[in-house]
Amino acid sequence: MKQSLQYDQLSCRLRVEGLPDVSMGQGAGALGIITGWSLQWAGRPALEGRKEHLLALMQVVLPYARYLISGVPRRFGADPTPVEIGPNPGRGHLLLLRSSQADTPPLQLELDDAELADLVRVLDQLRLDPRLQLQLELPSPLPLRARELLERRPLAQRLAAPLGGVLALGLAAGLGLLLPEPKPVAPPTANPSAVQQPPS
């Protein structure tokens, strides 16, 4: 029996269709085989594809959102992968969808923060839905590397403290050179008025 899973947000709706995998003993309410999916946007053309396209969308959008929240925005997906997402040079985010047909040009979608958040929510709802009894090949979340943590702060901010220390040290050394040298102190002399008394 054909199953349909639907997830709604303000700007988009994800609909996944499939069948239960009878060979795995799945019940009628489960979805173990994805036969197709569609993603409908408000005021934009709907996206459709096979299971491979849905997995490719999840494999780039979910890590991109995680890095974005961590303060390290970077691009995910590259040619020839079917989906690519990264920061938009103007503003927001740029989602690039490449068709498997050679005569079809790539589709570019400019998303704002709210639309990206809605897309992440529907993909998370699908990923966490217990009715979807299908192993999704998604990258496991790993902690950020040391270099990525450093890149969270701008280069000027990272160099401000060391440069400030060097300037302070140079200023202190310059002021020290401007101070006059102290005059040498003469050793104390004996008091001539003091008369030694002979021992009694």
Protein backbone atom coordinates (compact mmCIF):
# COMPACT_ATOMS: atom_id res chain seq x y z
CA MET A 1 0.00 0.00 0.00
CA LYS A 2 1.37 3.41 -0.97
CA GLN A 3 2.32 5.70 1.92
CA SER A 4 2.71 9.45 2.00
CA LEU A 5 4.51 11.55 4.61
CA GLN A 6 3.92 15.30 4.68
CA TYR A 7 5.67 18.03 6.68
CA ASP A 8 4.49 21.64 6.64
CA GLN A 9 6.17 24.90 7.54
CA LEU A 10 5.26 28.48 6.72
CA SER A 11 7.24 28.76 3.48
CA CYS A 12 7.53 25.16 2.30
CA ARG A 13 5.90 21.73 2.33
CA LEU A 14 7.77 18.45 1.96
CA ARG A 15 5.89 15.41 0.73
CA VAL A 16 7.56 12.00 0.56
CA GLU A 17 5.86 9.01 -1.06
CA GLY A 18 6.82 5.37 -0.89
CA LEU A 19 5.99 1.86 0.14
CA PRO A 20 6.66 -0.31 3.17
CA ASP A 21 9.50 -2.77 2.69
CA VAL A 22 7.64 -6.06 3.08
CA SER A 23 10.89 -8.04 2.90
CA MET A 24 11.97 -6.33 6.14
CA GLY A 25 8.66 -7.12 7.82
CA GLN A 26 7.48 -3.50 7.90
CA GLY A 27 3.84 -2.79 8.66
CA ALA A 28 1.31 -0.88 6.59
CA GLY A 29 2.04 2.45 8.31
CA ALA A 30 5.78 2.39 7.61
CA LEU A 31 7.70 3.77 4.68
CA GLY A 32 10.79 1.77 3.78
CA ILE A 33 11.07 2.47 0.05
CA ILE A 34 10.98 6.05 -1.26
CA THR A 35 9.42 6.26 -4.71
CA GLY A 36 9.36 10.06 -5.02
CA TRP A 37 9.21 13.36 -3.18
CA SER A 38 8.22 16.95 -3.78
CA LEU A 39 9.13 20.20 -2.07
CA GLN A 40 6.67 23.03 -2.58
CA TRP A 41 7.73 26.63 -1.93
CA ALA A 42 5.47 29.63 -1.50
CA GLY A 43 5.59 31.52 -4.78
CA ARG A 44 8.27 29.30 -6.34
CA PRO A 45 8.31 26.23 -8.56
CA ALA A 46 8.02 22.89 -6.81
CA LEU A 47 11.02 20.59 -6.63
CA GLU A 48 10.66 16.90 -7.39
CA GLY A 49 13.05 14.01 -7.57
CA ARG A 50 14.05 10.54 -6.59
CA LYS A 51 15.47 9.23 -3.33
CA GLU A 52 19.03 10.11 -4.38
CA HIS A 53 18.11 13.76 -4.83
CA LEU A 54 16.41 13.92 -1.43
CA LEU A 55 19.45 12.38 0.25
CA ALA A 56 21.74 14.82 -1.57
CA LEU A 57 19.58 17.72 -0.34
CA MET A 58 19.77 16.51 3.26
CA GLN A 59 23.51 15.81 3.03
CA VAL A 60 24.33 19.43 2.23
CA VAL A 61 21.55 21.48 3.88
CA LEU A 62 21.76 19.98 7.37
CA PRO A 63 25.58 20.34 7.76
CA TYR A 64 25.41 23.83 6.24
CA ALA A 65 22.84 24.92 8.82
CA ARG A 66 24.94 23.44 11.62
CA TYR A 67 28.07 25.29 10.51
CA LEU A 68 26.04 28.46 10.06
CA ILE A 69 24.78 28.26 13.64
CA SER A 70 28.35 27.66 14.83
CA GLY A 71 29.42 30.90 13.16
CA VAL A 72 31.48 29.25 10.42
CA PRO A 73 29.48 29.66 7.19
CA ARG A 74 30.94 27.56 4.37
CA ARG A 75 29.79 26.05 1.10
CA PHE A 76 28.62 22.44 0.92
CA GLY A 77 28.34 20.39 -2.24
CA ALA A 78 30.24 20.87 -5.47
CA ASP A 79 30.02 19.80 -9.07
CA PRO A 80 29.04 17.06 -9.96
CA THR A 81 26.88 16.62 -6.83
CA PRO A 82 23.22 17.43 -7.56
CA VAL A 83 22.81 19.93 -4.69
CA GLU A 84 25.02 22.79 -3.53
CA ILE A 85 24.37 25.43 -0.88
CA GLY A 86 26.42 28.31 0.44
CA PRO A 87 26.27 31.93 1.55
CA ASN A 88 24.83 34.28 -1.05
CA PRO A 89 27.29 37.11 -1.85
CA GLY A 90 24.40 39.59 -1.69
CA ARG A 91 22.47 38.33 1.31
CA GLY A 92 20.92 35.13 2.54
CA HIS A 93 21.76 31.74 1.10
CA LEU A 94 22.07 30.33 -2.41
CA LEU A 95 20.73 26.83 -3.13
CA LEU A 96 21.86 25.33 -6.44
CA LEU A 97 20.11 22.26 -7.85
CA ARG A 98 21.71 20.44 -10.78
CA SER A 99 19.54 18.26 -12.98
CA SER A 100 20.64 14.80 -14.09
CA GLN A 101 19.61 15.74 -17.64
CA ALA A 102 22.40 17.38 -19.61
CA ASP A 103 20.11 19.83 -21.46
CA THR A 104 18.58 21.25 -18.25
CA PRO A 105 20.39 24.22 -16.69
CA PRO A 106 20.92 24.32 -12.91
CA LEU A 107 18.17 25.87 -10.81
CA GLN A 108 19.24 28.62 -8.38
CA LEU A 109 17.13 29.53 -5.38
CA GLU A 110 17.90 32.47 -3.11
CA LEU A 111 16.75 31.72 0.43
CA ASP A 112 16.51 34.06 3.36
CA ASP A 113 17.10 32.94 6.93
CA ALA A 114 13.42 32.11 7.55
CA GLU A 115 13.16 29.97 4.40
CA LEU A 116 16.36 28.13 5.26
CA ALA A 117 15.06 27.50 8.78
CA ASP A 118 11.80 26.10 7.38
CA LEU A 119 13.72 23.84 4.99
CA VAL A 120 15.88 22.53 7.83
CA ARG A 121 12.78 21.89 9.95
CA VAL A 122 10.99 19.78 7.34
CA LEU A 123 14.16 17.79 6.64
CA ASP A 124 14.64 17.21 10.36
CA GLN A 125 11.02 16.15 10.75
CA LEU A 126 11.52 13.61 7.98
CA ARG A 127 14.79 12.38 9.47
CA LEU A 128 13.27 11.92 12.94
CA ASP A 129 9.91 10.50 11.84
CA PRO A 130 9.53 6.94 13.19
CA ARG A 131 7.34 6.04 10.21
CA LEU A 132 10.37 6.43 7.94
CA GLN A 133 12.03 3.07 8.47
CA LEU A 134 14.87 3.63 6.04
CA GLN A 135 18.57 3.98 6.73
CA LEU A 136 19.58 7.47 5.62
CA GLU A 137 23.20 7.90 4.59
CA LEU A 138 23.79 11.21 6.33
CA PRO A 139 27.14 12.50 7.62
CA SER A 140 27.46 12.14 11.38
CA PRO A 141 27.83 15.48 13.20
CA LEU A 142 31.45 16.00 14.23
CA PRO A 143 32.93 18.76 16.41
CA LEU A 144 34.50 21.68 14.62
CA ARG A 145 38.22 21.47 13.96
CA ALA A 146 40.63 23.86 15.67
CA ARG A 147 41.14 25.83 12.47
CA GLU A 148 37.40 26.19 11.98
CA LEU A 149 37.05 27.46 15.55
CA LEU A 150 39.73 30.06 14.86
CA GLU A 151 37.93 31.15 11.72
CA ARG A 152 34.85 32.02 13.77
CA ARG A 153 36.60 35.26 14.75
CA PRO A 154 37.65 37.72 12.03
CA LEU A 155 41.35 37.99 11.28
CA ALA A 156 41.52 41.58 12.54
CA GLN A 157 39.99 40.54 15.85
CA ARG A 158 42.39 37.60 16.19
CA LEU A 159 45.41 39.85 15.55
CA ALA A 160 44.22 42.70 17.80
CA ALA A 161 45.53 41.25 21.08
CA PRO A 162 49.02 40.24 19.85
CA LEU A 163 49.51 43.50 18.00
CA GLY A 164 48.29 45.46 21.01
CA GLY A 165 50.82 43.64 23.22
CA VAL A 166 53.67 44.35 20.81
CA LEU A 167 52.71 48.03 20.59
CA ALA A 168 52.47 48.33 24.37
CA LEU A 169 55.88 46.70 24.79
CA GLY A 170 57.40 48.99 22.17
CA LEU A 171 55.85 52.07 23.80
CA ALA A 172 57.15 51.07 27.22
CA ALA A 173 60.63 50.47 25.80
CA GLY A 174 60.59 53.84 24.01
CA LEU A 175 59.53 55.68 27.14
CA GLY A 176 62.26 53.89 29.08
CA LEU A 177 64.90 55.14 26.63
CA LEU A 178 63.68 58.72 27.01
CA LEU A 179 64.20 58.78 30.77
CA PRO A 180 67.54 60.26 31.88
CA GLU A 181 70.08 58.00 33.47
CA PRO A 182 70.31 58.37 37.25
CA LYS A 183 73.44 60.14 38.58
CA PRO A 184 75.88 57.92 40.43
CA VAL A 185 75.73 58.28 44.21
CA ALA A 186 79.03 59.23 45.91
CA PRO A 187 80.17 56.91 48.69
CA PRO A 188 79.78 58.35 52.23
CA THR A 189 82.91 60.12 53.61
CA ALA A 190 84.24 60.02 57.20
CA ASN A 191 83.30 62.96 59.50
CA PRO A 192 86.54 64.90 60.25
CA SER A 193 85.10 66.46 63.42
CA ALA A 194 84.75 63.15 65.07
CA VAL A 195 87.70 62.50 67.46
CA GLN A 196 88.53 59.02 68.50
CA GLN A 197 88.72 58.59 72.26
CA PRO A 198 91.67 56.58 73.55
CA PRO A 199 90.74 53.46 75.38
CA SER A 200 90.76 53.91 79.19
